[in-house]
Every structure is written in C-alpha cells, then in structure tokens.
Amino acid sequence: MSCLHILNRSPAAGLLPTARETMSPGDALLLLEDGVFHLCQPGELAALPEDVSVWFLAEDLEARGLGNDLPAGAASLDMDGFVDLCTRHDKTLSWF
C-alpha cells in the first residue's frame, strides 16, 4: 500500500526527518507551500529511502522565487498533477 506524504512546512520545522522514518519504497513526497524550501536542503532529500518519488508544487516554487533546478529524480507538477498524484496512492499523510 503506497502513501503520498504531503509536507507544507519549511525545513526549520524539522518535520522531514520524522516523515522520512515512516516512508517506504513506492511512497511519494509532495513538497508544497513553504515545504518547497526543502529544495535548498539537498542533503535531506538525498537521505530519503530509495524508490520514494519527490514532487514540488510548481506554483509554490514560482511564488517563492525558486527555480526549476530540481534534484535528480524530482519533478514539479501543477494542481491537476497534484490531484492525479493523490489518486495514484492508497492514502495520504499530511505533515503540518
């Protein structure tokens, strides 16, 4: 059973290490709102379990002036893509 982890808090909140402990292969991580600032913390993203896909909400990257220079294996998506991503996983878990 796969899970979409949704993180909207900046790295300062310290939630990604806790979320990472609950992730399994086949899960996905969506960074949105201030969560897109994790783009500035590539070490934290590199420490994710293997086979966990990483996504950034494009409008939040743009709103915060962050470019599209994403880490290898990561991608951005729009709101329609967000909805599609939710339907591809058995459950969602929001980290607030």
PDB file of N, CA and C in Angstrom:
ATOM      1  N   MET A   1       0.850  -1.164   0.000  1.00  0.00           N
ATOM      2  CA  MET A   1       0.000   0.000   0.000  1.00  0.00           C
ATOM      3  C   MET A   1       0.903   1.238   0.000  1.00  0.00           C
ATOM      4  N   SER A   2       0.723   2.117  -0.977  1.00  0.00           N
ATOM      5  CA  SER A   2       1.585   3.297  -1.070  1.00  0.00           C
ATOM      6  C   SER A   2       0.928   4.506  -0.418  1.00  0.00           C
ATOM      7  N   CYS A   3       1.772   5.419   0.009  1.00  0.00           N
ATOM      8  CA  CYS A   3       1.323   6.611   0.715  1.00  0.00           C
ATOM      9  C   CYS A   3       1.933   7.852   0.063  1.00  0.00           C
ATOM     10  N   LEU A   4       1.124   8.872  -0.092  1.00  0.00           N
ATOM     11  CA  LEU A   4       1.600  10.180  -0.512  1.00  0.00           C
ATOM     12  C   LEU A   4       1.786  11.028   0.738  1.00  0.00           C
ATOM     13  N   HIS A   5       3.022  11.414   1.012  1.00  0.00           N
ATOM     14  CA  HIS A   5       3.347  12.269   2.145  1.00  0.00           C
ATOM     15  C   HIS A   5       3.337  13.709   1.639  1.00  0.00           C
ATOM     16  N   ILE A   6       2.567  14.562   2.282  1.00  0.00           N
ATOM     17  CA  ILE A   6       2.446  15.962   1.870  1.00  0.00           C
ATOM     18  C   ILE A   6       3.036  16.829   2.974  1.00  0.00           C
ATOM     19  N   LEU A   7       4.079  17.582   2.623  1.00  0.00           N
ATOM     20  CA  LEU A   7       4.771  18.402   3.614  1.00  0.00           C
ATOM     21  C   LEU A   7       4.702  19.861   3.179  1.00  0.00           C
ATOM     22  N   ASN A   8       4.129  20.694   4.026  1.00  0.00           N
ATOM     23  CA  ASN A   8       3.975  22.109   3.677  1.00  0.00           C
ATOM     24  C   ASN A   8       4.786  23.045   4.569  1.00  0.00           C
ATOM     25  N   ARG A   9       5.607  22.522   5.429  1.00  0.00           N
ATOM     26  CA  ARG A   9       6.387  23.345   6.360  1.00  0.00           C
ATOM     27  C   ARG A   9       7.830  23.455   5.893  1.00  0.00           C
ATOM     28  N   SER A  10       8.469  24.553   6.242  1.00  0.00           N
ATOM     29  CA  SER A  10       9.858  24.794   5.850  1.00  0.00           C
ATOM     30  C   SER A  10      10.789  23.829   6.591  1.00  0.00           C
ATOM     31  N   PRO A  11      12.039  23.732   6.129  1.00  0.00           N
ATOM     32  CA  PRO A  11      12.998  22.865   6.829  1.00  0.00           C
ATOM     33  C   PRO A  11      13.161  23.227   8.309  1.00  0.00           C
ATOM     34  N   ALA A  12      12.942  24.484   8.664  1.00  0.00           N
ATOM     35  CA  ALA A  12      13.091  24.912  10.055  1.00  0.00           C
ATOM     36  C   ALA A  12      12.130  24.178  10.994  1.00  0.00           C
ATOM     37  N   ALA A  13      11.027  23.679  10.473  1.00  0.00           N
ATOM     38  CA  ALA A  13      10.055  22.961  11.307  1.00  0.00           C
ATOM     39  C   ALA A  13      10.573  21.586  11.720  1.00  0.00           C
ATOM     40  N   GLY A  14      11.554  21.065  10.994  1.00  0.00           N
ATOM     41  CA  GLY A  14      12.158  19.788  11.362  1.00  0.00           C
ATOM     42  C   GLY A  14      11.282  18.567  11.145  1.00  0.00           C
ATOM     43  N   LEU A  15      10.308  18.640  10.246  1.00  0.00           N
ATOM     44  CA  LEU A  15       9.394  17.520  10.051  1.00  0.00           C
ATOM     45  C   LEU A  15       9.899  16.446   9.096  1.00  0.00           C
ATOM     46  N   LEU A  16      10.774  16.809   8.176  1.00  0.00           N
ATOM     47  CA  LEU A  16      11.188  15.832   7.167  1.00  0.00           C
ATOM     48  C   LEU A  16      11.896  14.617   7.769  1.00  0.00           C
ATOM     49  N   PRO A  17      12.791  14.765   8.734  1.00  0.00           N
ATOM     50  CA  PRO A  17      13.406  13.558   9.309  1.00  0.00           C
ATOM     51  C   PRO A  17      12.377  12.602   9.927  1.00  0.00           C
ATOM     52  N   THR A  18      11.366  13.130  10.575  1.00  0.00           N
ATOM     53  CA  THR A  18      10.322  12.275  11.153  1.00  0.00           C
ATOM     54  C   THR A  18       9.508  11.618  10.054  1.00  0.00           C
ATOM     55  N   ALA A  19       9.144  12.388   9.037  1.00  0.00           N
ATOM     56  CA  ALA A  19       8.384  11.827   7.917  1.00  0.00           C
ATOM     57  C   ALA A  19       9.186  10.742   7.223  1.00  0.00           C
ATOM     58  N   ARG A  20      10.471  10.985   7.049  1.00  0.00           N
ATOM     59  CA  ARG A  20      11.348  10.041   6.362  1.00  0.00           C
ATOM     60  C   ARG A  20      11.331   8.668   7.040  1.00  0.00           C
ATOM     61  N   GLU A  21      11.233   8.652   8.359  1.00  0.00           N
ATOM     62  CA  GLU A  21      11.220   7.387   9.111  1.00  0.00           C
ATOM     63  C   GLU A  21       9.987   6.541   8.805  1.00  0.00           C
ATOM     64  N   THR A  22       8.917   7.159   8.343  1.00  0.00           N
ATOM     65  CA  THR A  22       7.679   6.423   8.072  1.00  0.00           C
ATOM     66  C   THR A  22       7.524   6.040   6.601  1.00  0.00           C
ATOM     67  N   MET A  23       8.451   6.482   5.742  1.00  0.00           N
ATOM     68  CA  MET A  23       8.331   6.244   4.303  1.00  0.00           C
ATOM     69  C   MET A  23       8.815   4.859   3.923  1.00  0.00           C
ATOM     70  N   SER A  24       8.166   4.322   2.903  1.00  0.00           N
ATOM     71  CA  SER A  24       8.501   3.005   2.364  1.00  0.00           C
ATOM     72  C   SER A  24       8.699   3.112   0.859  1.00  0.00           C
ATOM     73  N   PRO A  25       9.389   2.146   0.263  1.00  0.00           N
ATOM     74  CA  PRO A  25       9.505   2.149  -1.193  1.00  0.00           C
ATOM     75  C   PRO A  25       8.120   2.199  -1.844  1.00  0.00           C
ATOM     76  N   GLY A  26       8.010   2.999  -2.883  1.00  0.00           N
ATOM     77  CA  GLY A  26       6.729   3.170  -3.563  1.00  0.00           C
ATOM     78  C   GLY A  26       5.948   4.371  -3.085  1.00  0.00           C
ATOM     79  N   ASP A  27       6.350   4.940  -1.938  1.00  0.00           N
ATOM     80  CA  ASP A  27       5.700   6.149  -1.445  1.00  0.00           C
ATOM     81  C   ASP A  27       6.162   7.353  -2.265  1.00  0.00           C
ATOM     82  N   ALA A  28       5.502   8.476  -2.057  1.00  0.00           N
ATOM     83  CA  ALA A  28       5.880   9.724  -2.712  1.00  0.00           C
ATOM     84  C   ALA A  28       5.852  10.839  -1.677  1.00  0.00           C
ATOM     85  N   LEU A  29       6.668  11.858  -1.931  1.00  0.00           N
ATOM     86  CA  LEU A  29       6.710  13.049  -1.084  1.00  0.00           C
ATOM     87  C   LEU A  29       6.375  14.249  -1.953  1.00  0.00           C
ATOM     88  N   LEU A  30       5.357  14.984  -1.567  1.00  0.00           N
ATOM     89  CA  LEU A  30       4.983  16.217  -2.252  1.00  0.00           C
ATOM     90  C   LEU A  30       5.302  17.388  -1.334  1.00  0.00           C
ATOM     91  N   LEU A  31       6.143  18.291  -1.823  1.00  0.00           N
ATOM     92  CA  LEU A  31       6.512  19.487  -1.074  1.00  0.00           C
ATOM     93  C   LEU A  31       5.742  20.655  -1.664  1.00  0.00           C
ATOM     94  N   LEU A  32       4.983  21.326  -0.811  1.00  0.00           N
ATOM     95  CA  LEU A  32       4.197  22.464  -1.260  1.00  0.00           C
ATOM     96  C   LEU A  32       4.250  23.569  -0.224  1.00  0.00           C
ATOM     97  N   GLU A  33       3.675  24.710  -0.562  1.00  0.00           N
ATOM     98  CA  GLU A  33       3.734  25.902   0.280  1.00  0.00           C
ATOM     99  C   GLU A  33       5.188  26.121   0.707  1.00  0.00           C
ATOM    100  N   ASP A  34       5.476  26.362   1.997  1.00  0.00           N
ATOM    101  CA  ASP A  34       6.854  26.585   2.424  1.00  0.00           C
ATOM    102  C   ASP A  34       7.700  25.310   2.410  1.00  0.00           C
ATOM    103  N   GLY A  35       7.070  24.176   2.196  1.00  0.00           N
ATOM    104  CA  GLY A  35       7.808  22.923   2.074  1.00  0.00           C
ATOM    105  C   GLY A  35       8.746  22.911   0.879  1.00  0.00           C
ATOM    106  N   VAL A  36       8.460  23.748  -0.133  1.00  0.00           N
ATOM    107  CA  VAL A  36       9.346  23.779  -1.307  1.00  0.00           C
ATOM    108  C   VAL A  36      10.735  24.299  -0.948  1.00  0.00           C
ATOM    109  N   PHE A  37      10.888  24.953   0.205  1.00  0.00           N
ATOM    110  CA  PHE A  37      12.216  25.403   0.630  1.00  0.00           C
ATOM    111  C   PHE A  37      13.162  24.235   0.927  1.00  0.00           C
ATOM    112  N   HIS A  38      12.633  23.023   0.994  1.00  0.00           N
ATOM    113  CA  HIS A  38      13.499  21.849   1.135  1.00  0.00           C
ATOM    114  C   HIS A  38      14.385  21.694  -0.093  1.00  0.00           C
ATOM    115  N   LEU A  39      14.045  22.361  -1.177  1.00  0.00           N
ATOM    116  CA  LEU A  39      14.910  22.387  -2.351  1.00  0.00           C
ATOM    117  C   LEU A  39      16.282  22.937  -1.990  1.00  0.00           C
ATOM    118  N   CYS A  40      16.332  23.806  -0.993  1.00  0.00           N
ATOM    119  CA  CYS A  40      17.593  24.408  -0.537  1.00  0.00           C
ATOM    120  C   CYS A  40      18.348  23.495   0.426  1.00  0.00           C
ATOM    121  N   GLN A  41      17.792  22.347   0.743  1.00  0.00           N
ATOM    122  CA  GLN A  41      18.401  21.375   1.660  1.00  0.00           C
ATOM    123  C   GLN A  41      18.587  20.037   0.932  1.00  0.00           C
ATOM    124  N   PRO A  42      19.439  19.985  -0.090  1.00  0.00           N
ATOM    125  CA  PRO A  42      19.537  18.761  -0.893  1.00  0.00           C
ATOM    126  C   PRO A  42      19.977  17.530  -0.108  1.00  0.00           C
ATOM    127  N   GLY A  43      20.714  17.726   0.964  1.00  0.00           N
ATOM    128  CA  GLY A  43      21.141  16.580   1.769  1.00  0.00           C
ATOM    129  C   GLY A  43      19.977  15.848   2.405  1.00  0.00           C
ATOM    130  N   GLU A  44      18.993  16.598   2.866  1.00  0.00           N
ATOM    131  CA  GLU A  44      17.809  15.978   3.471  1.00  0.00           C
ATOM    132  C   GLU A  44      17.030  15.178   2.445  1.00  0.00           C
ATOM    133  N   LEU A  45      16.923  15.717   1.233  1.00  0.00           N
ATOM    134  CA  LEU A  45      16.188  14.996   0.190  1.00  0.00           C
ATOM    135  C   LEU A  45      16.954  13.757  -0.260  1.00  0.00           C
ATOM    136  N   ALA A  46      18.269  13.858  -0.302  1.00  0.00           N
ATOM    137  CA  ALA A  46      19.085  12.712  -0.712  1.00  0.00           C
ATOM    138  C   ALA A  46      19.000  11.565   0.294  1.00  0.00           C
ATOM    139  N   ALA A  47      18.640  11.878   1.531  1.00  0.00           N
ATOM    140  CA  ALA A  47      18.556  10.853   2.571  1.00  0.00           C
ATOM    141  C   ALA A  47      17.219  10.105   2.573  1.00  0.00           C
ATOM    142  N   LEU A  48      16.328  10.445   1.652  1.00  0.00           N
ATOM    143  CA  LEU A  48      15.049   9.735   1.585  1.00  0.00           C
ATOM    144  C   LEU A  48      15.276   8.279   1.194  1.00  0.00           C
ATOM    145  N   PRO A  49      14.387   7.403   1.626  1.00  0.00           N
ATOM    146  CA  PRO A  49      14.525   5.994   1.227  1.00  0.00           C
ATOM    147  C   PRO A  49      14.502   5.846  -0.296  1.00  0.00           C
ATOM    148  N   GLU A  50      15.162   4.795  -0.777  1.00  0.00           N
ATOM    149  CA  GLU A  50      15.141   4.520  -2.210  1.00  0.00           C
ATOM    150  C   GLU A  50      13.701   4.291  -2.666  1.00  0.00           C
ATOM    151  N   ASP A  51      13.441   4.616  -3.888  1.00  0.00           N
ATOM    152  CA  ASP A  51      12.131   4.406  -4.517  1.00  0.00           C
ATOM    153  C   ASP A  51      11.019   5.261  -3.918  1.00  0.00           C
ATOM    154  N   VAL A  52      11.375   6.356  -3.272  1.00  0.00           N
ATOM    155  CA  VAL A  52      10.384   7.351  -2.853  1.00  0.00           C
ATOM    156  C   VAL A  52      10.499   8.496  -3.845  1.00  0.00           C
ATOM    157  N   SER A  53       9.416   8.773  -4.565  1.00  0.00           N
ATOM    158  CA  SER A  53       9.452   9.856  -5.550  1.00  0.00           C
ATOM    159  C   SER A  53       9.231  11.192  -4.852  1.00  0.00           C
ATOM    160  N   VAL A  54       9.869  12.232  -5.395  1.00  0.00           N
ATOM    161  CA  VAL A  54       9.795  13.567  -4.802  1.00  0.00           C
ATOM    162  C   VAL A  54       9.177  14.525  -5.817  1.00  0.00           C
ATOM    163  N   TRP A  55       8.193  15.272  -5.370  1.00  0.00           N
ATOM    164  CA  TRP A  55       7.454  16.212  -6.202  1.00  0.00           C
ATOM    165  C   TRP A  55       7.408  17.575  -5.534  1.00  0.00           C
ATOM    166  N   PHE A  56       7.426  18.621  -6.340  1.00  0.00           N
ATOM    167  CA  PHE A  56       7.292  20.001  -5.870  1.00  0.00           C
ATOM    168  C   PHE A  56       6.106  20.628  -6.588  1.00  0.00           C
ATOM    169  N   LEU A  57       5.290  21.383  -5.863  1.00  0.00           N
ATOM    170  CA  LEU A  57       4.186  22.094  -6.498  1.00  0.00           C
ATOM    171  C   LEU A  57       4.757  23.319  -7.220  1.00  0.00           C
ATOM    172  N   ALA A  58       4.598  23.350  -8.531  1.00  0.00           N
ATOM    173  CA  ALA A  58       5.225  24.370  -9.381  1.00  0.00           C
ATOM    174  C   ALA A  58       4.831  25.784  -8.984  1.00  0.00           C
ATOM    175  N   GLU A  59       3.573  26.013  -8.670  1.00  0.00           N
ATOM    176  CA  GLU A  59       3.147  27.376  -8.340  1.00  0.00           C
ATOM    177  C   GLU A  59       3.789  27.868  -7.043  1.00  0.00           C
ATOM    178  N   ASP A  60       4.095  26.963  -6.122  1.00  0.00           N
ATOM    179  CA  ASP A  60       4.757  27.368  -4.883  1.00  0.00           C
ATOM    180  C   ASP A  60       6.244  27.626  -5.113  1.00  0.00           C
ATOM    181  N   LEU A  61       6.866  26.869  -6.000  1.00  0.00           N
ATOM    182  CA  LEU A  61       8.257  27.169  -6.377  1.00  0.00           C
ATOM    183  C   LEU A  61       8.336  28.562  -6.985  1.00  0.00           C
ATOM    184  N   GLU A  62       7.424  28.851  -7.890  1.00  0.00           N
ATOM    185  CA  GLU A  62       7.412  30.149  -8.565  1.00  0.00           C
ATOM    186  C   GLU A  62       7.124  31.283  -7.584  1.00  0.00           C
ATOM    187  N   ALA A  63       6.161  31.089  -6.697  1.00  0.00           N
ATOM    188  CA  ALA A  63       5.777  32.135  -5.745  1.00  0.00           C
ATOM    189  C   ALA A  63       6.917  32.487  -4.788  1.00  0.00           C
ATOM    190  N   ARG A  64       7.811  31.533  -4.544  1.00  0.00           N
ATOM    191  CA  ARG A  64       8.921  31.763  -3.617  1.00  0.00           C
ATOM    192  C   ARG A  64      10.237  32.042  -4.333  1.00  0.00           C
ATOM    193  N   GLY A  65      10.157  32.214  -5.644  1.00  0.00           N
ATOM    194  CA  GLY A  65      11.339  32.581  -6.411  1.00  0.00           C
ATOM    195  C   GLY A  65      12.366  31.471  -6.548  1.00  0.00           C
ATOM    196  N   LEU A  66      11.914  30.245  -6.399  1.00  0.00           N
ATOM    197  CA  LEU A  66      12.814  29.108  -6.544  1.00  0.00           C
ATOM    198  C   LEU A  66      12.722  28.590  -7.975  1.00  0.00           C
ATOM    199  N   GLY A  67      13.844  28.309  -8.562  1.00  0.00           N
ATOM    200  CA  GLY A  67      13.867  27.880  -9.952  1.00  0.00           C
ATOM    201  C   GLY A  67      13.402  26.463 -10.147  1.00  0.00           C
ATOM    202  N   ASN A  68      13.520  26.034 -11.359  1.00  0.00           N
ATOM    203  CA  ASN A  68      13.147  24.667 -11.705  1.00  0.00           C
ATOM    204  C   ASN A  68      14.351  23.737 -11.708  1.00  0.00           C
ATOM    205  N   ASP A  69      15.429  24.134 -11.038  1.00  0.00           N
ATOM    206  CA  ASP A  69      16.623  23.295 -10.942  1.00  0.00           C
ATOM    207  C   ASP A  69      16.406  22.306  -9.801  1.00  0.00           C
ATOM    208  N   LEU A  70      15.695  21.233 -10.107  1.00  0.00           N
ATOM    209  CA  LEU A  70      15.312  20.262  -9.094  1.00  0.00           C
ATOM    210  C   LEU A  70      16.352  19.149  -8.978  1.00  0.00           C
ATOM    211  N   PRO A  71      16.415  18.503  -7.818  1.00  0.00           N
ATOM    212  CA  PRO A  71      17.347  17.391  -7.660  1.00  0.00           C
ATOM    213  C   PRO A  71      17.030  16.260  -8.639  1.00  0.00           C
ATOM    214  N   ALA A  72      18.022  15.456  -8.926  1.00  0.00           N
ATOM    215  CA  ALA A  72      17.819  14.309  -9.811  1.00  0.00           C
ATOM    216  C   ALA A  72      16.683  13.440  -9.284  1.00  0.00           C
ATOM    217  N   GLY A  73      15.804  13.066 -10.164  1.00  0.00           N
ATOM    218  CA  GLY A  73      14.681  12.211  -9.793  1.00  0.00           C
ATOM    219  C   GLY A  73      13.468  12.947  -9.281  1.00  0.00           C
ATOM    220  N   ALA A  74      13.593  14.238  -9.015  1.00  0.00           N
ATOM    221  CA  ALA A  74      12.448  15.030  -8.545  1.00  0.00           C
ATOM    222  C   ALA A  74      11.791  15.717  -9.733  1.00  0.00           C
ATOM    223  N   ALA A  75      10.537  16.099  -9.558  1.00  0.00           N
ATOM    224  CA  ALA A  75       9.800  16.772 -10.621  1.00  0.00           C
ATOM    225  C   ALA A  75       8.815  17.762  -9.998  1.00  0.00           C
ATOM    226  N   SER A  76       8.373  18.693 -10.819  1.00  0.00           N
ATOM    227  CA  SER A  76       7.339  19.623 -10.364  1.00  0.00           C
ATOM    228  C   SER A  76       6.033  19.270 -11.051  1.00  0.00           C
ATOM    229  N   LEU A  77       4.948  19.690 -10.453  1.00  0.00           N
ATOM    230  CA  LEU A  77       3.632  19.452 -11.030  1.00  0.00           C
ATOM    231  C   LEU A  77       2.710  20.613 -10.705  1.00  0.00           C
ATOM    232  N   ASP A  78       1.635  20.728 -11.469  1.00  0.00           N
ATOM    233  CA  ASP A  78       0.642  21.767 -11.235  1.00  0.00           C
ATOM    234  C   ASP A  78      -0.488  21.179 -10.382  1.00  0.00           C
ATOM    235  N   MET A  79      -1.547  21.945 -10.173  1.00  0.00           N
ATOM    236  CA  MET A  79      -2.637  21.477  -9.310  1.00  0.00           C
ATOM    237  C   MET A  79      -3.331  20.242  -9.879  1.00  0.00           C
ATOM    238  N   ASP A  80      -3.492  20.175 -11.197  1.00  0.00           N
ATOM    239  CA  ASP A  80      -4.082  18.972 -11.790  1.00  0.00           C
ATOM    240  C   ASP A  80      -3.195  17.757 -11.535  1.00  0.00           C
ATOM    241  N   GLY A  81      -1.894  17.961 -11.628  1.00  0.00           N
ATOM    242  CA  GLY A  81      -0.960  16.887 -11.333  1.00  0.00           C
ATOM    243  C   GLY A  81      -1.018  16.464  -9.875  1.00  0.00           C
ATOM    244  N   PHE A  82      -1.253  17.429  -8.991  1.00  0.00           N
ATOM    245  CA  PHE A  82      -1.403  17.151  -7.559  1.00  0.00           C
ATOM    246  C   PHE A  82      -2.588  16.212  -7.343  1.00  0.00           C
ATOM    247  N   VAL A  83      -3.701  16.524  -7.971  1.00  0.00           N
ATOM    248  CA  VAL A  83      -4.891  15.675  -7.839  1.00  0.00           C
ATOM    249  C   VAL A  83      -4.605  14.276  -8.371  1.00  0.00           C
ATOM    250  N   ASP A  84      -3.956  14.208  -9.524  1.00  0.00           N
ATOM    251  CA  ASP A  84      -3.610  12.919 -10.109  1.00  0.00           C
ATOM    252  C   ASP A  84      -2.690  12.126  -9.183  1.00  0.00           C
ATOM    253  N   LEU A  85      -1.710  12.796  -8.589  1.00  0.00           N
ATOM    254  CA  LEU A  85      -0.792  12.135  -7.671  1.00  0.00           C
ATOM    255  C   LEU A  85      -1.541  11.545  -6.479  1.00  0.00           C
ATOM    256  N   CYS A  86      -2.521  12.265  -5.974  1.00  0.00           N
ATOM    257  CA  CYS A  86      -3.326  11.764  -4.848  1.00  0.00           C
ATOM    258  C   CYS A  86      -4.070  10.483  -5.218  1.00  0.00           C
ATOM    259  N   THR A  87      -4.552  10.419  -6.456  1.00  0.00           N
ATOM    260  CA  THR A  87      -5.322   9.240  -6.866  1.00  0.00           C
ATOM    261  C   THR A  87      -4.442   8.024  -7.122  1.00  0.00           C
ATOM    262  N   ARG A  88      -3.139   8.231  -7.283  1.00  0.00           N
ATOM    263  CA  ARG A  88      -2.229   7.116  -7.548  1.00  0.00           C
ATOM    264  C   ARG A  88      -1.742   6.424  -6.281  1.00  0.00           C
ATOM    265  N   HIS A  89      -2.114   6.948  -5.121  1.00  0.00           N
ATOM    266  CA  HIS A  89      -1.665   6.360  -3.856  1.00  0.00           C
ATOM    267  C   HIS A  89      -2.871   5.937  -3.034  1.00  0.00           C
ATOM    268  N   ASP A  90      -2.657   4.913  -2.222  1.00  0.00           N
ATOM    269  CA  ASP A  90      -3.742   4.359  -1.419  1.00  0.00           C
ATOM    270  C   ASP A  90      -4.180   5.287  -0.298  1.00  0.00           C
ATOM    271  N   LYS A  91      -3.249   6.081   0.207  1.00  0.00           N
ATOM    272  CA  LYS A  91      -3.578   7.004   1.294  1.00  0.00           C
ATOM    273  C   LYS A  91      -2.662   8.217   1.216  1.00  0.00           C
ATOM    274  N   THR A  92      -3.051   9.261   1.929  1.00  0.00           N
ATOM    275  CA  THR A  92      -2.215  10.464   2.037  1.00  0.00           C
ATOM    276  C   THR A  92      -1.966  10.735   3.517  1.00  0.00           C
ATOM    277  N   LEU A  93      -0.826  11.331   3.770  1.00  0.00           N
ATOM    278  CA  LEU A  93      -0.455  11.712   5.133  1.00  0.00           C
ATOM    279  C   LEU A  93       0.120  13.111   5.063  1.00  0.00           C
ATOM    280  N   SER A  94      -0.536  14.044   5.721  1.00  0.00           N
ATOM    281  CA  SER A  94      -0.085  15.453   5.708  1.00  0.00           C
ATOM    282  C   SER A  94       0.755  15.726   6.950  1.00  0.00           C
ATOM    283  N   TRP A  95       1.904  16.352   6.707  1.00  0.00           N
ATOM    284  CA  TRP A  95       2.828  16.728   7.779  1.00  0.00           C
ATOM    285  C   TRP A  95       2.737  18.231   7.977  1.00  0.00           C
ATOM    286  N   PHE A  96       2.081  18.654   9.074  1.00  0.00           N
ATOM    287  CA  PHE A  96       1.884  20.078   9.357  1.00  0.00           C
ATOM    288  C   PHE A  96       2.549  20.456  10.659  1.00  0.00           C
TER     289      PHE A  96
END
